[in-house]
């Protein structure tokens, strides 16, 4: 018989990635709504982003060569693609798939073309992401709820909405301080960036 404490530990470990990949994520139900209200994004925009991500992920899984190894992040209609593929055309296919989804206003493709998949990087990526989340949450000068982070093969990806450039610089500094980080890719926009208005207009017209 498997000890109950062991089973509980396994469940926590399995659930952790889903809880840590997005700093802005909150508990279901009322708690999710309250947490979203603290963001620069509106509740409606957050729901739109979730719908866009689900559709983009579905299109990637349905595309040969893109079913595995691609991480997606969506903030206010801006889609970030990260990961590795073995052929240049697969990288282009991923961009096309993302643009096919209604509501997408920008696609950033940081997918690498390589024969090295680096499956062993995943545990370390998870540890690095956890460390970065802790740093951002612990820094009271940063509105961490506005940021989404991911780590793919040692590369840290930052997305979100910053209050000002000083906050962006602090977030990047925290990312660079994480052990074993290869580089930091910054896709954060300022809260007064015109690109945010473009997404709001698109959402209202749908």
N, C-alpha and C. Protein backbone atom coordinates (compact mmCIF):
# COMPACT_ATOMS: atom_id res chain seq x y z
N UNK A 1 0.86 -1.21 0.00
CA UNK A 1 0.00 0.00 0.00
C UNK A 1 0.89 1.24 0.00
N UNK A 2 0.53 2.26 -0.83
CA UNK A 2 1.31 3.48 -0.91
C UNK A 2 0.91 4.41 0.23
N UNK A 3 1.87 4.90 1.02
CA UNK A 3 1.54 5.78 2.14
C UNK A 3 0.79 7.02 1.66
N UNK A 4 -0.17 7.47 2.47
CA UNK A 4 -0.95 8.65 2.08
C UNK A 4 -0.07 9.88 1.93
N UNK A 5 0.94 10.02 2.78
CA UNK A 5 1.82 11.18 2.70
C UNK A 5 2.58 11.21 1.38
N UNK A 6 2.98 10.03 0.89
CA UNK A 6 3.69 9.97 -0.39
C UNK A 6 2.76 10.39 -1.53
N UNK A 7 1.51 9.88 -1.49
CA UNK A 7 0.53 10.23 -2.53
C UNK A 7 0.29 11.72 -2.56
N UNK A 8 0.17 12.33 -1.38
CA UNK A 8 -0.07 13.77 -1.32
C UNK A 8 1.10 14.54 -1.90
N UNK A 9 2.30 14.08 -1.62
CA UNK A 9 3.49 14.76 -2.15
C UNK A 9 3.51 14.70 -3.66
N UNK A 10 3.20 13.55 -4.23
CA UNK A 10 3.18 13.39 -5.68
C UNK A 10 2.16 14.32 -6.31
N UNK A 11 0.99 14.43 -5.71
CA UNK A 11 -0.05 15.30 -6.24
C UNK A 11 0.39 16.75 -6.23
N UNK A 12 1.08 17.16 -5.17
CA UNK A 12 1.57 18.54 -5.09
C UNK A 12 2.60 18.81 -6.16
N UNK A 13 3.52 17.87 -6.37
CA UNK A 13 4.56 18.04 -7.38
C UNK A 13 3.96 18.13 -8.77
N UNK A 14 2.96 17.27 -9.05
CA UNK A 14 2.33 17.28 -10.36
C UNK A 14 1.55 18.57 -10.59
N UNK A 15 0.98 19.12 -9.55
CA UNK A 15 0.17 20.33 -9.70
C UNK A 15 1.00 21.58 -9.75
N UNK A 16 2.21 21.54 -9.23
CA UNK A 16 3.04 22.74 -9.10
C UNK A 16 3.29 23.47 -10.40
N UNK A 17 3.64 22.78 -11.53
CA UNK A 17 3.90 23.52 -12.76
C UNK A 17 2.73 24.37 -13.20
N UNK A 18 1.53 23.84 -13.07
CA UNK A 18 0.35 24.60 -13.51
C UNK A 18 0.15 25.82 -12.64
N UNK A 19 0.56 25.74 -11.38
CA UNK A 19 0.36 26.86 -10.47
C UNK A 19 1.43 27.92 -10.62
N UNK A 20 2.62 27.52 -11.08
CA UNK A 20 3.74 28.45 -11.09
C UNK A 20 4.00 29.08 -12.44
N UNK A 21 3.49 28.53 -13.54
CA UNK A 21 3.82 29.05 -14.86
C UNK A 21 3.31 30.45 -15.07
N UNK A 22 2.28 30.82 -14.36
CA UNK A 22 1.72 32.17 -14.50
C UNK A 22 1.56 32.79 -13.13
N UNK A 23 2.32 33.83 -12.85
CA UNK A 23 2.26 34.48 -11.56
C UNK A 23 0.88 35.03 -11.30
N UNK A 24 0.17 35.40 -12.38
CA UNK A 24 -1.14 36.02 -12.23
C UNK A 24 -2.25 35.02 -11.97
N UNK A 25 -1.94 33.73 -11.99
CA UNK A 25 -2.98 32.71 -11.80
C UNK A 25 -3.48 32.75 -10.36
N UNK A 26 -4.76 32.50 -10.19
CA UNK A 26 -5.34 32.48 -8.85
C UNK A 26 -6.22 31.27 -8.70
N UNK A 27 -6.81 31.11 -7.53
CA UNK A 27 -7.70 29.97 -7.31
C UNK A 27 -8.94 30.12 -8.16
N UNK A 28 -9.66 29.02 -8.32
CA UNK A 28 -10.86 29.06 -9.15
C UNK A 28 -11.95 29.86 -8.45
N UNK A 29 -13.00 30.16 -9.24
CA UNK A 29 -14.17 30.83 -8.68
C UNK A 29 -13.92 32.28 -8.31
N UNK A 30 -14.45 32.69 -7.15
CA UNK A 30 -14.38 34.07 -6.72
C UNK A 30 -12.95 34.54 -6.56
N UNK A 31 -12.09 33.68 -6.04
CA UNK A 31 -10.70 34.07 -5.83
C UNK A 31 -10.04 34.47 -7.13
N UNK A 32 -10.35 33.76 -8.22
CA UNK A 32 -9.78 34.09 -9.53
C UNK A 32 -10.21 35.48 -9.97
N UNK A 33 -11.49 35.79 -9.77
CA UNK A 33 -11.96 37.11 -10.16
C UNK A 33 -11.30 38.21 -9.36
N UNK A 34 -11.14 38.02 -8.06
CA UNK A 34 -10.50 39.02 -7.21
C UNK A 34 -9.06 39.24 -7.64
N UNK A 35 -8.34 38.15 -7.90
CA UNK A 35 -6.95 38.26 -8.29
C UNK A 35 -6.82 38.98 -9.62
N UNK A 36 -7.69 38.68 -10.57
CA UNK A 36 -7.63 39.32 -11.88
C UNK A 36 -7.89 40.81 -11.77
N UNK A 37 -8.76 41.20 -10.86
CA UNK A 37 -9.06 42.61 -10.69
C UNK A 37 -7.84 43.40 -10.23
N UNK A 38 -6.87 42.75 -9.65
CA UNK A 38 -5.67 43.42 -9.19
C UNK A 38 -4.68 43.63 -10.33
N UNK A 39 -4.91 43.01 -11.47
CA UNK A 39 -4.02 43.13 -12.61
C UNK A 39 -4.34 44.37 -13.42
N UNK A 40 -3.39 44.73 -14.30
CA UNK A 40 -3.66 45.78 -15.27
C UNK A 40 -4.66 45.26 -16.31
N UNK A 41 -4.66 43.95 -16.56
CA UNK A 41 -5.66 43.37 -17.47
C UNK A 41 -7.03 43.38 -16.82
N UNK A 42 -8.06 43.53 -17.64
CA UNK A 42 -9.42 43.41 -17.13
C UNK A 42 -9.78 41.93 -17.03
N UNK A 43 -10.85 41.62 -16.32
CA UNK A 43 -11.31 40.23 -16.22
C UNK A 43 -11.61 39.69 -17.61
N UNK A 44 -12.27 40.51 -18.44
CA UNK A 44 -12.60 40.07 -19.80
C UNK A 44 -11.37 39.77 -20.63
N UNK A 45 -10.34 40.62 -20.51
CA UNK A 45 -9.12 40.40 -21.27
C UNK A 45 -8.41 39.12 -20.82
N UNK A 46 -8.41 38.87 -19.53
CA UNK A 46 -7.78 37.66 -19.01
C UNK A 46 -8.47 36.42 -19.56
N UNK A 47 -9.81 36.46 -19.62
CA UNK A 47 -10.56 35.33 -20.16
C UNK A 47 -10.30 35.18 -21.66
N UNK A 48 -10.21 36.30 -22.37
CA UNK A 48 -9.90 36.25 -23.80
C UNK A 48 -8.53 35.62 -24.03
N UNK A 49 -7.55 36.01 -23.21
CA UNK A 49 -6.21 35.45 -23.34
C UNK A 49 -6.23 33.94 -23.14
N UNK A 50 -7.00 33.49 -22.16
CA UNK A 50 -7.09 32.05 -21.89
C UNK A 50 -7.69 31.32 -23.09
N UNK A 51 -8.72 31.92 -23.68
CA UNK A 51 -9.35 31.29 -24.85
C UNK A 51 -8.39 31.26 -26.04
N UNK A 52 -7.63 32.34 -26.22
CA UNK A 52 -6.65 32.38 -27.31
C UNK A 52 -5.59 31.31 -27.11
N UNK A 53 -5.09 31.18 -25.89
CA UNK A 53 -4.05 30.18 -25.62
C UNK A 53 -4.54 28.76 -25.90
N UNK A 54 -5.77 28.48 -25.47
CA UNK A 54 -6.32 27.15 -25.70
C UNK A 54 -6.41 26.85 -27.19
N UNK A 55 -6.83 27.85 -27.98
CA UNK A 55 -6.97 27.63 -29.41
C UNK A 55 -5.61 27.51 -30.10
N UNK A 56 -4.65 28.35 -29.69
CA UNK A 56 -3.31 28.27 -30.26
C UNK A 56 -2.69 26.91 -29.95
N UNK A 57 -2.79 26.48 -28.70
CA UNK A 57 -2.23 25.17 -28.31
C UNK A 57 -2.87 24.05 -29.12
N UNK A 58 -4.17 24.16 -29.35
CA UNK A 58 -4.86 23.13 -30.15
C UNK A 58 -4.35 23.08 -31.58
N UNK A 59 -4.13 24.25 -32.17
CA UNK A 59 -3.62 24.29 -33.54
C UNK A 59 -2.20 23.74 -33.62
N UNK A 60 -1.38 24.03 -32.62
CA UNK A 60 -0.01 23.51 -32.62
C UNK A 60 -0.01 21.99 -32.50
N UNK A 61 -0.86 21.47 -31.63
CA UNK A 61 -0.92 20.01 -31.46
C UNK A 61 -1.43 19.31 -32.72
N UNK A 62 -2.21 20.02 -33.52
CA UNK A 62 -2.74 19.43 -34.74
C UNK A 62 -1.80 19.58 -35.93
N UNK A 63 -0.68 20.28 -35.73
CA UNK A 63 0.29 20.51 -36.81
C UNK A 63 1.45 19.53 -36.69
N UNK A 64 1.74 18.75 -37.72
CA UNK A 64 2.86 17.79 -37.67
C UNK A 64 4.17 18.49 -37.30
N UNK A 65 4.89 17.89 -36.35
CA UNK A 65 6.17 18.43 -35.93
C UNK A 65 6.06 19.45 -34.81
N UNK A 66 4.84 19.85 -34.44
CA UNK A 66 4.65 20.87 -33.41
C UNK A 66 3.84 20.37 -32.23
N UNK A 67 3.62 19.07 -32.16
CA UNK A 67 2.77 18.53 -31.10
C UNK A 67 3.44 18.59 -29.73
N UNK A 68 4.76 18.62 -29.70
CA UNK A 68 5.49 18.64 -28.43
C UNK A 68 6.59 19.70 -28.49
N UNK A 69 7.00 20.14 -27.32
CA UNK A 69 8.18 21.00 -27.23
C UNK A 69 7.96 22.48 -27.45
N UNK A 70 6.69 22.94 -27.62
CA UNK A 70 6.43 24.35 -27.82
C UNK A 70 5.62 24.89 -26.64
N UNK A 71 6.15 25.91 -25.99
CA UNK A 71 5.45 26.56 -24.88
C UNK A 71 4.81 27.85 -25.39
N UNK A 72 3.57 28.11 -24.97
CA UNK A 72 2.88 29.32 -25.40
C UNK A 72 2.47 30.15 -24.19
N UNK A 73 2.57 31.45 -24.37
CA UNK A 73 2.12 32.40 -23.35
C UNK A 73 1.33 33.49 -24.06
N UNK A 74 0.22 33.91 -23.48
CA UNK A 74 -0.62 34.94 -24.10
C UNK A 74 -0.95 36.01 -23.07
N UNK A 75 -0.65 37.25 -23.40
CA UNK A 75 -1.00 38.39 -22.55
C UNK A 75 -1.58 39.48 -23.44
N UNK A 76 -2.85 39.77 -23.23
CA UNK A 76 -3.56 40.79 -23.99
C UNK A 76 -3.41 40.62 -25.50
N UNK A 77 -3.58 39.39 -25.94
CA UNK A 77 -3.54 39.10 -27.37
C UNK A 77 -2.15 38.94 -27.95
N UNK A 78 -1.12 39.15 -27.14
CA UNK A 78 0.26 38.97 -27.60
C UNK A 78 0.69 37.53 -27.31
N UNK A 79 1.03 36.81 -28.34
CA UNK A 79 1.37 35.39 -28.21
C UNK A 79 2.89 35.22 -28.27
N UNK A 80 3.43 34.53 -27.28
CA UNK A 80 4.85 34.20 -27.27
C UNK A 80 5.01 32.71 -27.48
N UNK A 81 5.80 32.33 -28.47
CA UNK A 81 6.10 30.93 -28.76
C UNK A 81 7.56 30.67 -28.40
N UNK A 82 7.81 29.63 -27.62
CA UNK A 82 9.17 29.29 -27.23
C UNK A 82 9.32 27.77 -27.22
N UNK A 83 10.55 27.33 -27.51
CA UNK A 83 10.81 25.90 -27.52
C UNK A 83 11.79 25.55 -28.62
N UNK A 84 11.70 24.31 -29.12
CA UNK A 84 12.64 23.84 -30.14
C UNK A 84 11.93 22.98 -31.17
N UNK A 85 12.35 23.13 -32.41
CA UNK A 85 11.88 22.28 -33.50
C UNK A 85 13.10 21.83 -34.29
N UNK A 86 12.90 20.85 -35.16
CA UNK A 86 14.04 20.30 -35.90
C UNK A 86 14.18 20.88 -37.31
N UNK A 87 13.13 21.58 -37.80
CA UNK A 87 13.18 22.12 -39.15
C UNK A 87 12.73 23.57 -39.18
N UNK A 88 13.37 24.40 -40.02
CA UNK A 88 13.00 25.82 -40.11
C UNK A 88 11.54 26.03 -40.48
N UNK A 89 11.02 25.18 -41.38
CA UNK A 89 9.63 25.36 -41.80
C UNK A 89 8.65 25.12 -40.65
N UNK A 90 9.05 24.31 -39.67
CA UNK A 90 8.19 24.07 -38.52
C UNK A 90 8.06 25.34 -37.67
N UNK A 91 9.13 26.10 -37.62
CA UNK A 91 9.11 27.38 -36.90
C UNK A 91 8.10 28.33 -37.56
N UNK A 92 8.11 28.36 -38.89
CA UNK A 92 7.17 29.20 -39.63
C UNK A 92 5.74 28.70 -39.46
N UNK A 93 5.58 27.38 -39.45
CA UNK A 93 4.25 26.80 -39.26
C UNK A 93 3.65 27.23 -37.92
N UNK A 94 4.49 27.33 -36.90
CA UNK A 94 4.01 27.73 -35.58
C UNK A 94 3.51 29.17 -35.60
N UNK A 95 4.23 30.03 -36.29
CA UNK A 95 3.81 31.43 -36.39
C UNK A 95 2.48 31.54 -37.14
N UNK A 96 2.36 30.81 -38.24
CA UNK A 96 1.12 30.83 -39.02
C UNK A 96 -0.06 30.34 -38.18
N UNK A 97 0.17 29.28 -37.42
CA UNK A 97 -0.90 28.72 -36.60
C UNK A 97 -1.39 29.73 -35.57
N UNK A 98 -0.46 30.46 -34.97
CA UNK A 98 -0.84 31.46 -33.96
C UNK A 98 -1.65 32.60 -34.59
N UNK A 99 -1.24 33.04 -35.77
CA UNK A 99 -1.93 34.15 -36.42
C UNK A 99 -3.32 33.77 -36.91
N UNK A 100 -3.59 32.49 -37.03
CA UNK A 100 -4.91 32.04 -37.48
C UNK A 100 -5.99 32.20 -36.42
N UNK A 101 -5.57 32.46 -35.19
CA UNK A 101 -6.52 32.54 -34.07
C UNK A 101 -7.06 33.96 -33.94
N UNK A 102 -8.37 34.09 -33.86
CA UNK A 102 -9.00 35.40 -33.68
C UNK A 102 -8.57 36.02 -32.36
N UNK A 103 -8.30 37.33 -32.39
CA UNK A 103 -7.92 38.04 -31.17
C UNK A 103 -6.44 38.23 -31.01
N UNK A 104 -5.63 37.54 -31.80
CA UNK A 104 -4.17 37.69 -31.72
C UNK A 104 -3.77 39.02 -32.37
N UNK A 105 -3.01 39.83 -31.64
CA UNK A 105 -2.57 41.13 -32.16
C UNK A 105 -1.07 41.16 -32.43
N UNK A 106 -0.34 40.17 -31.89
CA UNK A 106 1.11 40.14 -32.08
C UNK A 106 1.60 38.73 -31.79
N UNK A 107 2.58 38.27 -32.56
CA UNK A 107 3.19 36.96 -32.33
C UNK A 107 4.70 37.13 -32.24
N UNK A 108 5.26 36.73 -31.10
CA UNK A 108 6.71 36.71 -30.92
C UNK A 108 7.17 35.27 -30.97
N UNK A 109 8.01 34.95 -31.94
CA UNK A 109 8.46 33.57 -32.14
C UNK A 109 9.91 33.44 -31.70
N UNK A 110 10.11 32.78 -30.58
CA UNK A 110 11.47 32.55 -30.08
C UNK A 110 11.81 31.06 -30.12
N UNK A 111 11.20 30.35 -31.06
CA UNK A 111 11.46 28.92 -31.22
C UNK A 111 12.82 28.71 -31.87
N UNK A 112 13.61 27.83 -31.32
CA UNK A 112 14.93 27.50 -31.88
C UNK A 112 14.82 26.31 -32.83
N UNK A 113 15.64 26.33 -33.87
CA UNK A 113 15.74 25.19 -34.78
C UNK A 113 17.01 24.44 -34.42
N UNK A 114 16.86 23.23 -33.91
CA UNK A 114 18.01 22.47 -33.44
C UNK A 114 17.68 20.98 -33.42
N UNK A 115 18.72 20.16 -33.48
CA UNK A 115 18.54 18.71 -33.37
C UNK A 115 18.58 18.25 -31.92
N UNK A 116 18.95 19.17 -31.03
CA UNK A 116 19.04 18.83 -29.61
C UNK A 116 17.77 19.26 -28.89
N UNK A 117 16.99 18.29 -28.43
CA UNK A 117 15.72 18.59 -27.78
C UNK A 117 15.89 18.99 -26.32
N UNK A 118 16.91 18.47 -25.67
CA UNK A 118 17.16 18.86 -24.28
C UNK A 118 16.06 18.50 -23.31
N UNK A 119 15.54 17.26 -23.38
CA UNK A 119 14.46 16.86 -22.47
C UNK A 119 14.90 16.94 -21.00
N UNK A 120 16.21 16.75 -20.75
CA UNK A 120 16.69 16.77 -19.38
C UNK A 120 16.69 18.17 -18.78
N UNK A 121 16.45 19.18 -19.60
CA UNK A 121 16.40 20.55 -19.10
C UNK A 121 15.14 20.82 -18.28
N UNK A 122 14.11 20.04 -18.48
CA UNK A 122 12.81 20.37 -17.90
C UNK A 122 12.79 20.48 -16.38
N UNK A 123 13.39 19.54 -15.64
CA UNK A 123 13.39 19.69 -14.17
C UNK A 123 14.10 20.97 -13.73
N UNK A 124 15.21 21.28 -14.36
CA UNK A 124 15.93 22.50 -14.00
C UNK A 124 15.13 23.74 -14.38
N UNK A 125 14.45 23.70 -15.51
CA UNK A 125 13.60 24.83 -15.91
C UNK A 125 12.54 25.10 -14.85
N UNK A 126 11.94 24.03 -14.35
CA UNK A 126 10.90 24.17 -13.33
C UNK A 126 11.47 24.81 -12.06
N UNK A 127 12.64 24.36 -11.63
CA UNK A 127 13.27 24.91 -10.43
C UNK A 127 13.60 26.39 -10.63
N UNK A 128 14.10 26.74 -11.81
CA UNK A 128 14.45 28.13 -12.10
C UNK A 128 13.20 29.01 -12.09
N UNK A 129 12.12 28.51 -12.66
CA UNK A 129 10.89 29.30 -12.70
C UNK A 129 10.35 29.52 -11.29
N UNK A 130 10.41 28.48 -10.47
CA UNK A 130 9.96 28.62 -9.08
C UNK A 130 10.78 29.68 -8.35
N UNK A 131 12.08 29.67 -8.58
CA UNK A 131 12.96 30.63 -7.92
C UNK A 131 12.64 32.05 -8.35
N UNK A 132 12.37 32.24 -9.65
CA UNK A 132 12.04 33.57 -10.15
C UNK A 132 10.70 34.06 -9.60
N UNK A 133 9.72 33.17 -9.57
CA UNK A 133 8.41 33.53 -9.01
C UNK A 133 8.58 34.03 -7.57
N UNK A 134 9.37 33.32 -6.80
CA UNK A 134 9.59 33.70 -5.40
C UNK A 134 10.25 35.07 -5.30
N UNK A 135 11.19 35.35 -6.18
CA UNK A 135 11.88 36.65 -6.18
C UNK A 135 10.90 37.78 -6.50
N UNK A 136 10.05 37.59 -7.50
CA UNK A 136 9.12 38.64 -7.90
C UNK A 136 8.05 38.87 -6.84
N UNK A 137 7.53 37.79 -6.29
CA UNK A 137 6.50 37.93 -5.25
C UNK A 137 7.08 38.59 -4.01
N UNK A 138 8.35 38.30 -3.72
CA UNK A 138 8.99 38.85 -2.53
C UNK A 138 9.41 40.31 -2.66
N UNK A 139 9.41 40.84 -3.87
CA UNK A 139 9.82 42.24 -4.09
C UNK A 139 8.56 43.11 -4.09
N UNK A 140 8.34 43.84 -3.03
CA UNK A 140 7.12 44.63 -2.88
C UNK A 140 7.07 45.83 -3.82
N UNK A 141 8.19 46.18 -4.44
CA UNK A 141 8.20 47.30 -5.38
C UNK A 141 7.73 46.86 -6.76
N UNK A 142 7.44 45.56 -6.92
CA UNK A 142 6.99 45.01 -8.20
C UNK A 142 5.57 44.48 -8.06
N UNK A 143 4.69 44.84 -8.98
CA UNK A 143 3.35 44.26 -9.01
C UNK A 143 3.43 42.91 -9.71
N UNK A 144 3.84 41.90 -8.97
CA UNK A 144 4.11 40.59 -9.56
C UNK A 144 2.90 39.97 -10.23
N UNK A 145 1.69 40.35 -9.79
CA UNK A 145 0.48 39.78 -10.36
C UNK A 145 0.36 40.10 -11.85
N UNK A 146 1.05 41.13 -12.32
CA UNK A 146 0.97 41.54 -13.73
C UNK A 146 1.94 40.80 -14.64
N UNK A 147 2.73 39.89 -14.08
CA UNK A 147 3.77 39.24 -14.87
C UNK A 147 3.51 37.75 -15.06
N UNK A 148 3.85 37.28 -16.24
CA UNK A 148 3.81 35.86 -16.57
C UNK A 148 5.23 35.45 -16.93
N UNK A 149 5.70 34.37 -16.35
CA UNK A 149 7.07 33.93 -16.61
C UNK A 149 7.08 32.50 -17.12
N UNK A 150 8.11 32.19 -17.87
CA UNK A 150 8.34 30.81 -18.29
C UNK A 150 9.83 30.61 -18.47
N UNK A 151 10.27 29.39 -18.30
CA UNK A 151 11.67 29.05 -18.51
C UNK A 151 11.72 27.84 -19.44
N UNK A 152 12.38 27.99 -20.57
CA UNK A 152 12.48 26.91 -21.56
C UNK A 152 13.95 26.71 -21.90
N UNK A 153 14.48 25.54 -21.53
CA UNK A 153 15.88 25.20 -21.80
C UNK A 153 16.83 26.25 -21.25
N UNK A 154 16.55 26.73 -20.07
CA UNK A 154 17.43 27.68 -19.40
C UNK A 154 17.24 29.13 -19.79
N UNK A 155 16.35 29.40 -20.73
CA UNK A 155 16.07 30.77 -21.16
C UNK A 155 14.81 31.26 -20.45
N UNK A 156 14.91 32.42 -19.80
CA UNK A 156 13.77 32.98 -19.07
C UNK A 156 13.00 33.92 -19.99
N UNK A 157 11.68 33.72 -20.05
CA UNK A 157 10.81 34.56 -20.86
C UNK A 157 9.89 35.36 -19.93
N UNK A 158 9.86 36.66 -20.14
CA UNK A 158 9.04 37.55 -19.33
C UNK A 158 7.97 38.19 -20.19
N UNK A 159 6.73 38.12 -19.73
CA UNK A 159 5.63 38.82 -20.38
C UNK A 159 4.78 39.46 -19.30
N UNK A 160 4.07 40.52 -19.69
CA UNK A 160 3.20 41.16 -18.73
C UNK A 160 3.07 42.64 -19.00
N UNK A 161 2.56 43.34 -18.00
CA UNK A 161 2.33 44.79 -18.10
C UNK A 161 3.01 45.46 -16.92
N UNK A 162 3.96 46.34 -17.22
CA UNK A 162 4.74 47.00 -16.17
C UNK A 162 4.20 48.40 -15.88
N UNK A 163 4.38 48.84 -14.65
CA UNK A 163 3.97 50.19 -14.27
C UNK A 163 4.87 51.24 -14.92
N UNK A 164 6.17 50.95 -14.99
CA UNK A 164 7.12 51.88 -15.61
C UNK A 164 8.39 51.12 -15.96
N UNK A 165 9.34 51.78 -16.62
CA UNK A 165 10.56 51.12 -17.06
C UNK A 165 11.41 50.66 -15.87
N UNK A 166 11.34 51.42 -14.78
CA UNK A 166 12.09 51.02 -13.59
C UNK A 166 11.66 49.66 -13.08
N UNK A 167 10.35 49.39 -13.13
CA UNK A 167 9.85 48.09 -12.68
C UNK A 167 10.34 46.99 -13.63
N UNK A 168 10.31 47.27 -14.93
CA UNK A 168 10.81 46.29 -15.91
C UNK A 168 12.27 45.95 -15.60
N UNK A 169 13.06 46.97 -15.34
CA UNK A 169 14.49 46.74 -15.05
C UNK A 169 14.68 45.87 -13.81
N UNK A 170 13.85 46.07 -12.80
CA UNK A 170 13.96 45.26 -11.58
C UNK A 170 13.58 43.81 -11.86
N UNK A 171 12.56 43.62 -12.66
CA UNK A 171 12.13 42.25 -13.01
C UNK A 171 13.24 41.54 -13.79
N UNK A 172 13.82 42.23 -14.76
CA UNK A 172 14.91 41.64 -15.55
C UNK A 172 16.10 41.30 -14.65
N UNK A 173 16.41 42.20 -13.71
CA UNK A 173 17.53 41.95 -12.80
C UNK A 173 17.28 40.69 -11.97
N UNK A 174 16.05 40.52 -11.50
CA UNK A 174 15.73 39.30 -10.74
C UNK A 174 15.88 38.07 -11.63
N UNK A 175 15.45 38.17 -12.86
CA UNK A 175 15.55 37.02 -13.77
C UNK A 175 17.01 36.65 -14.02
N UNK A 176 17.83 37.66 -14.21
CA UNK A 176 19.26 37.40 -14.45
C UNK A 176 19.98 36.83 -13.24
N UNK A 177 19.40 37.03 -12.06
CA UNK A 177 20.05 36.55 -10.83
C UNK A 177 19.73 35.09 -10.53
N UNK A 178 18.82 34.50 -11.30
CA UNK A 178 18.47 33.09 -11.08
C UNK A 178 19.63 32.20 -11.50
N UNK A 179 19.93 31.22 -10.70
CA UNK A 179 21.03 30.30 -11.01
C UNK A 179 20.79 29.56 -12.32
N UNK A 180 21.85 29.44 -13.12
CA UNK A 180 21.87 28.67 -14.37
C UNK A 180 21.10 29.32 -15.52
N UNK A 181 20.69 30.58 -15.38
CA UNK A 181 19.98 31.22 -16.47
C UNK A 181 20.94 31.47 -17.65
N UNK A 182 20.50 31.14 -18.85
CA UNK A 182 21.31 31.34 -20.04
C UNK A 182 21.15 32.76 -20.58
N UNK A 183 19.91 33.20 -20.64
CA UNK A 183 19.63 34.58 -21.05
C UNK A 183 18.19 34.90 -20.67
N UNK A 184 17.85 36.18 -20.74
CA UNK A 184 16.51 36.63 -20.42
C UNK A 184 15.91 37.32 -21.64
N UNK A 185 14.74 36.86 -22.05
CA UNK A 185 14.02 37.47 -23.17
C UNK A 185 12.85 38.27 -22.59
N UNK A 186 12.85 39.57 -22.84
CA UNK A 186 11.86 40.46 -22.26
C UNK A 186 10.80 40.85 -23.28
N UNK A 187 9.54 40.49 -22.99
CA UNK A 187 8.41 40.86 -23.84
C UNK A 187 7.37 41.65 -23.04
N UNK A 188 7.81 42.28 -21.97
CA UNK A 188 6.93 43.07 -21.13
C UNK A 188 6.64 44.40 -21.81
N UNK A 189 5.41 44.87 -21.70
CA UNK A 189 5.04 46.19 -22.23
C UNK A 189 4.67 47.10 -21.06
N UNK A 190 4.81 48.39 -21.25
CA UNK A 190 4.41 49.36 -20.24
C UNK A 190 2.89 49.52 -20.27
N UNK A 191 2.31 49.93 -19.16
CA UNK A 191 0.85 49.98 -19.06
C UNK A 191 0.22 50.99 -20.01
N UNK A 192 1.02 51.97 -20.49
CA UNK A 192 0.48 52.94 -21.44
C UNK A 192 0.90 52.65 -22.88
N UNK A 193 1.37 51.43 -23.15
CA UNK A 193 1.77 51.04 -24.50
C UNK A 193 0.55 51.01 -25.42
N UNK A 194 0.62 51.64 -26.61
CA UNK A 194 -0.51 51.65 -27.55
C UNK A 194 -0.97 50.26 -27.97
N UNK A 195 -0.07 49.28 -27.90
CA UNK A 195 -0.43 47.91 -28.28
C UNK A 195 -1.55 47.37 -27.41
N UNK A 196 -1.60 47.80 -26.16
CA UNK A 196 -2.65 47.34 -25.25
C UNK A 196 -4.01 47.84 -25.70
N UNK A 197 -4.05 49.05 -26.22
CA UNK A 197 -5.31 49.60 -26.71
C UNK A 197 -5.82 48.81 -27.91
N UNK A 198 -4.90 48.34 -28.73
CA UNK A 198 -5.28 47.56 -29.91
C UNK A 198 -6.01 46.30 -29.49
N UNK A 199 -5.55 45.65 -28.45
CA UNK A 199 -6.20 44.43 -27.98
C UNK A 199 -7.56 44.74 -27.37
N UNK A 200 -7.65 45.85 -26.64
CA UNK A 200 -8.92 46.23 -26.04
C UNK A 200 -9.97 46.50 -27.10
N UNK A 201 -9.57 47.15 -28.18
CA UNK A 201 -10.50 47.44 -29.27
C UNK A 201 -10.95 46.15 -29.93
N UNK A 202 -9.99 45.24 -30.17
CA UNK A 202 -10.31 43.95 -30.79
C UNK A 202 -11.31 43.17 -29.94
N UNK A 203 -11.10 43.15 -28.63
CA UNK A 203 -11.96 42.40 -27.72
C UNK A 203 -13.38 42.97 -27.71
N UNK A 204 -13.48 44.29 -27.75
CA UNK A 204 -14.79 44.92 -27.69
C UNK A 204 -15.60 44.70 -28.95
N UNK A 205 -14.89 44.51 -30.08
CA UNK A 205 -15.56 44.34 -31.36
C UNK A 205 -16.01 42.90 -31.60
N UNK A 206 -15.55 41.98 -30.78
CA UNK A 206 -15.88 40.56 -30.99
C UNK A 206 -17.23 40.23 -30.37
